[in-house]
N, C-alpha and C. Protein backbone atom coordinates (compact mmCIF):
# COMPACT_ATOMS: atom_id res chain seq x y z
N UNK A 1 0.84 -1.17 0.00
CA UNK A 1 0.00 0.00 0.00
C UNK A 1 0.89 1.24 0.00
N UNK A 2 0.57 2.17 -0.88
CA UNK A 2 1.33 3.41 -0.94
C UNK A 2 0.50 4.57 -0.42
N UNK A 3 1.18 5.51 0.19
CA UNK A 3 0.53 6.70 0.71
C UNK A 3 1.06 7.93 -0.01
N UNK A 4 0.20 8.91 -0.16
CA UNK A 4 0.59 10.15 -0.82
C UNK A 4 1.48 10.98 0.11
N UNK A 5 2.11 11.99 -0.46
CA UNK A 5 2.93 12.90 0.33
C UNK A 5 2.08 13.59 1.40
N UNK A 6 0.86 13.98 1.04
CA UNK A 6 -0.03 14.64 1.99
C UNK A 6 -0.39 13.72 3.15
N UNK A 7 -0.63 12.44 2.84
CA UNK A 7 -0.93 11.47 3.90
C UNK A 7 0.27 11.28 4.83
N UNK A 8 1.46 11.20 4.24
CA UNK A 8 2.66 11.03 5.05
C UNK A 8 2.89 12.23 5.96
N UNK A 9 2.64 13.43 5.46
CA UNK A 9 2.75 14.63 6.28
C UNK A 9 1.71 14.58 7.39
N UNK A 10 0.50 14.10 7.08
CA UNK A 10 -0.54 13.95 8.09
C UNK A 10 -0.14 12.96 9.17
N UNK A 11 0.51 11.86 8.77
CA UNK A 11 0.98 10.87 9.75
C UNK A 11 2.02 11.49 10.68
N UNK A 12 2.94 12.25 10.11
CA UNK A 12 3.96 12.90 10.92
C UNK A 12 3.32 13.89 11.90
N UNK A 13 2.36 14.66 11.38
CA UNK A 13 1.66 15.64 12.22
C UNK A 13 0.96 14.93 13.39
N UNK A 14 0.37 13.78 13.12
CA UNK A 14 -0.31 13.01 14.16
C UNK A 14 0.68 12.49 15.20
N UNK A 15 1.86 12.06 14.75
CA UNK A 15 2.88 11.61 15.70
C UNK A 15 3.34 12.75 16.60
N UNK A 16 3.46 13.95 16.05
CA UNK A 16 3.84 15.11 16.85
C UNK A 16 2.74 15.43 17.86
N UNK A 17 1.46 15.34 17.44
CA UNK A 17 0.34 15.56 18.37
C UNK A 17 0.40 14.58 19.54
N UNK A 18 0.68 13.32 19.23
CA UNK A 18 0.77 12.31 20.29
C UNK A 18 1.90 12.65 21.25
N UNK A 19 3.07 13.01 20.71
CA UNK A 19 4.21 13.35 21.56
C UNK A 19 3.90 14.54 22.45
N UNK A 20 3.27 15.56 21.89
CA UNK A 20 2.94 16.76 22.67
C UNK A 20 1.94 16.44 23.77
N UNK A 21 0.94 15.61 23.47
CA UNK A 21 -0.03 15.21 24.50
C UNK A 21 0.67 14.38 25.57
N UNK A 22 1.55 13.49 25.15
CA UNK A 22 2.31 12.68 26.10
C UNK A 22 3.11 13.59 27.04
N UNK A 23 3.79 14.58 26.48
CA UNK A 23 4.57 15.51 27.30
C UNK A 23 3.66 16.27 28.27
N UNK A 24 2.46 16.66 27.81
CA UNK A 24 1.53 17.38 28.67
C UNK A 24 1.06 16.48 29.82
N UNK A 25 0.78 15.21 29.53
CA UNK A 25 0.35 14.29 30.58
C UNK A 25 1.46 14.02 31.59
N UNK A 26 2.70 13.94 31.13
CA UNK A 26 3.83 13.78 32.04
C UNK A 26 3.93 15.02 32.95
N UNK A 27 3.77 16.20 32.36
CA UNK A 27 3.79 17.44 33.13
C UNK A 27 2.68 17.45 34.18
N UNK A 28 1.48 17.05 33.78
CA UNK A 28 0.34 17.00 34.72
C UNK A 28 0.61 15.99 35.84
N UNK A 29 1.22 14.85 35.49
CA UNK A 29 1.55 13.84 36.49
C UNK A 29 2.53 14.39 37.51
N UNK A 30 3.57 15.05 37.03
CA UNK A 30 4.60 15.60 37.92
C UNK A 30 4.05 16.70 38.81
N UNK A 31 3.03 17.40 38.35
CA UNK A 31 2.41 18.46 39.14
C UNK A 31 1.32 17.93 40.07
N UNK A 32 1.05 16.62 40.00
CA UNK A 32 0.05 16.02 40.85
C UNK A 32 -1.39 16.32 40.43
N UNK A 33 -1.58 16.64 39.15
CA UNK A 33 -2.91 17.00 38.67
C UNK A 33 -3.70 15.83 38.09
N UNK A 34 -3.08 14.66 37.96
CA UNK A 34 -3.78 13.50 37.40
C UNK A 34 -4.40 12.67 38.52
N UNK A 35 -5.56 12.12 38.25
CA UNK A 35 -6.26 11.28 39.21
C UNK A 35 -5.54 9.94 39.38
N UNK A 36 -4.92 9.47 38.32
CA UNK A 36 -4.24 8.17 38.31
C UNK A 36 -2.82 8.33 37.79
N UNK A 37 -2.11 7.22 37.69
CA UNK A 37 -0.74 7.23 37.18
C UNK A 37 -0.75 7.34 35.66
N UNK A 38 0.40 7.62 35.07
CA UNK A 38 0.53 7.71 33.62
C UNK A 38 1.84 7.07 33.18
N UNK A 39 1.75 6.21 32.16
CA UNK A 39 2.95 5.61 31.55
C UNK A 39 3.16 6.29 30.20
N UNK A 40 4.32 6.85 30.01
CA UNK A 40 4.64 7.56 28.77
C UNK A 40 4.65 6.61 27.57
N UNK A 41 4.33 7.15 26.40
CA UNK A 41 4.39 6.36 25.17
C UNK A 41 5.47 6.89 24.23
N UNK A 42 6.40 7.67 24.76
CA UNK A 42 7.45 8.22 23.90
C UNK A 42 8.20 7.10 23.21
N UNK A 43 8.35 7.24 21.91
CA UNK A 43 8.99 6.22 21.09
C UNK A 43 7.99 5.23 20.51
N UNK A 44 6.73 5.34 20.89
CA UNK A 44 5.69 4.43 20.40
C UNK A 44 4.62 5.16 19.58
N UNK A 45 4.92 6.35 19.11
CA UNK A 45 3.94 7.14 18.36
C UNK A 45 3.62 6.50 17.00
N UNK A 46 4.63 6.06 16.29
CA UNK A 46 4.44 5.55 14.93
C UNK A 46 3.53 4.32 14.84
N UNK A 47 3.68 3.31 15.71
CA UNK A 47 2.81 2.13 15.57
C UNK A 47 1.31 2.47 15.67
N UNK A 48 0.95 3.38 16.56
CA UNK A 48 -0.46 3.75 16.69
C UNK A 48 -0.97 4.47 15.47
N UNK A 49 -0.17 5.39 14.94
CA UNK A 49 -0.57 6.14 13.76
C UNK A 49 -0.69 5.20 12.56
N UNK A 50 0.28 4.31 12.39
CA UNK A 50 0.24 3.36 11.27
C UNK A 50 -0.98 2.45 11.36
N UNK A 51 -1.25 1.93 12.54
CA UNK A 51 -2.40 1.06 12.73
C UNK A 51 -3.70 1.79 12.41
N UNK A 52 -3.87 2.97 12.97
CA UNK A 52 -5.13 3.71 12.80
C UNK A 52 -5.32 4.19 11.36
N UNK A 53 -4.22 4.34 10.61
CA UNK A 53 -4.33 4.74 9.21
C UNK A 53 -5.04 3.66 8.39
N UNK A 54 -4.99 2.43 8.88
CA UNK A 54 -5.60 1.31 8.14
C UNK A 54 -6.96 0.90 8.68
N UNK A 55 -7.41 1.53 9.76
CA UNK A 55 -8.69 1.18 10.36
C UNK A 55 -9.82 2.04 9.81
N UNK A 56 -11.00 1.46 9.77
CA UNK A 56 -12.21 2.22 9.44
C UNK A 56 -12.78 2.80 10.73
N UNK A 57 -13.66 3.76 10.61
CA UNK A 57 -14.29 4.39 11.78
C UNK A 57 -15.02 3.36 12.62
N UNK A 58 -15.62 2.33 12.00
CA UNK A 58 -16.40 1.34 12.74
C UNK A 58 -15.58 0.14 13.22
N UNK A 59 -14.27 0.12 12.98
CA UNK A 59 -13.41 -0.94 13.50
C UNK A 59 -13.19 -0.73 15.00
N UNK A 60 -13.17 -1.82 15.73
CA UNK A 60 -12.86 -1.75 17.16
C UNK A 60 -11.36 -1.86 17.37
N UNK A 61 -10.87 -1.19 18.38
CA UNK A 61 -9.44 -1.19 18.68
C UNK A 61 -9.23 -1.50 20.15
N UNK A 62 -8.46 -2.54 20.41
CA UNK A 62 -8.07 -2.90 21.78
C UNK A 62 -6.58 -2.59 21.87
N UNK A 63 -6.20 -1.72 22.78
CA UNK A 63 -4.81 -1.28 22.85
C UNK A 63 -4.12 -1.83 24.09
N UNK A 64 -2.78 -1.75 24.08
CA UNK A 64 -1.98 -2.23 25.20
C UNK A 64 -1.73 -1.11 26.19
N UNK A 65 -0.93 -1.37 27.18
CA UNK A 65 -0.70 -0.43 28.28
C UNK A 65 0.14 0.79 27.91
N UNK A 66 1.04 0.69 26.95
CA UNK A 66 2.03 1.74 26.70
C UNK A 66 1.37 3.09 26.44
N UNK A 67 1.60 4.03 27.31
CA UNK A 67 1.01 5.35 27.17
C UNK A 67 -0.49 5.34 27.35
N UNK A 68 -0.97 4.29 27.99
CA UNK A 68 -2.40 4.13 28.22
C UNK A 68 -3.19 4.22 26.93
N UNK A 69 -2.54 3.98 25.82
CA UNK A 69 -3.23 3.93 24.53
C UNK A 69 -3.37 5.25 23.81
N UNK A 70 -2.76 6.34 24.31
CA UNK A 70 -2.96 7.61 23.61
C UNK A 70 -2.38 7.58 22.21
N UNK A 71 -1.38 6.71 21.97
CA UNK A 71 -0.81 6.61 20.63
C UNK A 71 -1.77 5.92 19.66
N UNK A 72 -2.88 5.41 20.17
CA UNK A 72 -3.91 4.83 19.32
C UNK A 72 -5.24 5.58 19.47
N UNK A 73 -5.54 6.01 20.68
CA UNK A 73 -6.81 6.72 20.91
C UNK A 73 -6.84 8.06 20.19
N UNK A 74 -5.74 8.78 20.20
CA UNK A 74 -5.70 10.08 19.53
C UNK A 74 -5.89 9.94 18.02
N UNK A 75 -5.11 9.08 17.33
CA UNK A 75 -5.34 8.95 15.89
C UNK A 75 -6.66 8.24 15.54
N UNK A 76 -7.24 7.49 16.49
CA UNK A 76 -8.53 6.84 16.23
C UNK A 76 -9.67 7.84 16.29
N UNK A 77 -9.43 8.98 16.94
CA UNK A 77 -10.45 10.02 16.93
C UNK A 77 -10.78 10.67 18.25
N UNK A 78 -10.18 10.19 19.35
CA UNK A 78 -10.41 10.87 20.63
C UNK A 78 -9.66 12.19 20.62
N UNK A 79 -10.26 13.21 21.19
CA UNK A 79 -9.58 14.51 21.24
C UNK A 79 -8.64 14.55 22.45
N UNK A 80 -7.62 15.39 22.39
CA UNK A 80 -6.74 15.55 23.56
C UNK A 80 -7.54 15.97 24.80
N UNK A 81 -8.52 16.81 24.60
CA UNK A 81 -9.35 17.28 25.71
C UNK A 81 -10.08 16.11 26.37
N UNK A 82 -10.64 15.19 25.56
CA UNK A 82 -11.34 14.02 26.11
C UNK A 82 -10.38 13.09 26.85
N UNK A 83 -9.18 12.93 26.30
CA UNK A 83 -8.19 12.05 26.91
C UNK A 83 -7.76 12.60 28.27
N UNK A 84 -7.45 13.88 28.32
CA UNK A 84 -7.05 14.49 29.59
C UNK A 84 -8.20 14.46 30.58
N UNK A 85 -9.41 14.77 30.11
CA UNK A 85 -10.58 14.76 30.99
C UNK A 85 -10.81 13.37 31.57
N UNK A 86 -10.67 12.34 30.75
CA UNK A 86 -10.86 10.97 31.22
C UNK A 86 -9.80 10.63 32.26
N UNK A 87 -8.57 11.03 31.99
CA UNK A 87 -7.48 10.74 32.91
C UNK A 87 -7.66 11.44 34.25
N UNK A 88 -8.37 12.54 34.23
CA UNK A 88 -8.62 13.31 35.47
C UNK A 88 -9.96 12.97 36.10
N UNK A 89 -10.68 11.99 35.55
CA UNK A 89 -11.96 11.56 36.12
C UNK A 89 -13.10 12.52 35.85
N UNK A 90 -13.00 13.31 34.79
CA UNK A 90 -14.04 14.30 34.47
C UNK A 90 -15.13 13.68 33.59
N UNK A 91 -16.33 14.18 33.73
CA UNK A 91 -17.46 13.66 32.95
C UNK A 91 -17.35 14.00 31.47
N UNK A 92 -16.46 14.88 31.09
CA UNK A 92 -16.28 15.23 29.68
C UNK A 92 -15.32 14.27 28.97
N UNK A 93 -14.83 13.26 29.68
CA UNK A 93 -13.97 12.24 29.07
C UNK A 93 -14.79 11.30 28.20
N UNK A 94 -14.11 10.52 27.37
CA UNK A 94 -14.78 9.59 26.45
C UNK A 94 -15.69 8.60 27.15
N UNK A 95 -15.32 8.16 28.34
CA UNK A 95 -16.14 7.23 29.12
C UNK A 95 -16.73 7.94 30.34
N UNK A 96 -16.86 9.25 30.21
CA UNK A 96 -17.45 10.11 31.25
C UNK A 96 -16.71 10.04 32.59
N UNK A 97 -15.39 9.80 32.52
CA UNK A 97 -14.58 9.80 33.73
C UNK A 97 -14.54 8.49 34.47
N UNK A 98 -15.24 7.47 33.98
CA UNK A 98 -15.30 6.18 34.67
C UNK A 98 -14.11 5.28 34.38
N UNK A 99 -13.41 5.50 33.28
CA UNK A 99 -12.35 4.59 32.88
C UNK A 99 -10.99 4.96 33.44
N UNK A 100 -10.83 6.16 33.95
CA UNK A 100 -9.52 6.57 34.46
C UNK A 100 -8.52 6.64 33.34
N UNK A 101 -7.41 5.91 33.46
CA UNK A 101 -6.42 5.98 32.40
C UNK A 101 -6.59 4.90 31.34
N UNK A 102 -7.62 4.09 31.42
CA UNK A 102 -7.93 3.16 30.34
C UNK A 102 -9.07 3.76 29.54
N UNK A 103 -8.71 4.58 28.57
CA UNK A 103 -9.68 5.36 27.82
C UNK A 103 -10.59 4.45 27.00
N UNK A 104 -11.81 4.88 26.85
CA UNK A 104 -12.73 4.18 25.97
C UNK A 104 -13.75 5.17 25.44
N UNK A 105 -14.18 4.93 24.23
CA UNK A 105 -15.23 5.73 23.61
C UNK A 105 -15.85 4.88 22.52
N UNK A 106 -16.97 4.30 22.81
CA UNK A 106 -17.61 3.36 21.89
C UNK A 106 -17.99 4.02 20.57
N UNK A 107 -18.20 5.34 20.58
CA UNK A 107 -18.57 6.05 19.35
C UNK A 107 -17.50 5.97 18.28
N UNK A 108 -16.25 5.78 18.68
CA UNK A 108 -15.16 5.72 17.70
C UNK A 108 -14.46 4.36 17.69
N UNK A 109 -15.09 3.36 18.29
CA UNK A 109 -14.54 2.01 18.23
C UNK A 109 -13.54 1.66 19.31
N UNK A 110 -13.54 2.40 20.40
CA UNK A 110 -12.71 2.05 21.55
C UNK A 110 -13.65 1.42 22.57
N UNK A 111 -13.63 0.10 22.69
CA UNK A 111 -14.63 -0.60 23.50
C UNK A 111 -14.77 -0.08 24.92
N UNK A 112 -15.97 -0.13 25.36
CA UNK A 112 -16.32 0.33 26.71
C UNK A 112 -15.86 -0.72 27.70
N UNK A 113 -15.24 -0.28 28.79
CA UNK A 113 -14.81 -1.23 29.82
C UNK A 113 -16.02 -1.68 30.62
N UNK A 114 -15.88 -2.77 31.34
CA UNK A 114 -16.98 -3.44 32.02
C UNK A 114 -17.83 -2.56 32.93
N UNK A 115 -17.22 -1.64 33.68
CA UNK A 115 -17.94 -0.88 34.68
C UNK A 115 -18.73 0.31 34.16
N UNK A 116 -18.73 0.52 32.86
CA UNK A 116 -19.38 1.70 32.30
C UNK A 116 -20.45 1.28 31.31
N UNK A 117 -21.54 1.99 31.27
CA UNK A 117 -22.58 1.72 30.27
C UNK A 117 -23.16 3.04 29.80
N UNK A 118 -23.90 3.00 28.71
CA UNK A 118 -24.51 4.20 28.15
C UNK A 118 -25.38 4.90 29.18
N UNK A 119 -25.96 4.16 30.11
CA UNK A 119 -26.86 4.74 31.09
C UNK A 119 -26.18 5.55 32.19
N UNK A 120 -24.85 5.39 32.34
CA UNK A 120 -24.13 6.12 33.41
C UNK A 120 -23.92 7.56 33.06
């Protein structure tokens, strides 16, 4: 499969977005502003971007622990604001603050964890 120059630039831009969000979450962790712990995904930006480039909007994605999945959740369609909100236990997060650092948003194919339902 070949990608255009514009797509490749988009992939690079997405990797930079992931790195910047990762740096922001590390900063928040060091300042004691996160509800839970955070594992950095530095050096793991490319696999998430490459994977998500091949997924459809309705494909489900199960991610591993590295960076709590931000290297996949961000390119899959979660906004940085939703990711930070979820990590801080806010209702504006993808799983309305119930998932903590295991982000989920069923609307974009990130499966809902057991303790959360549409009714919450």
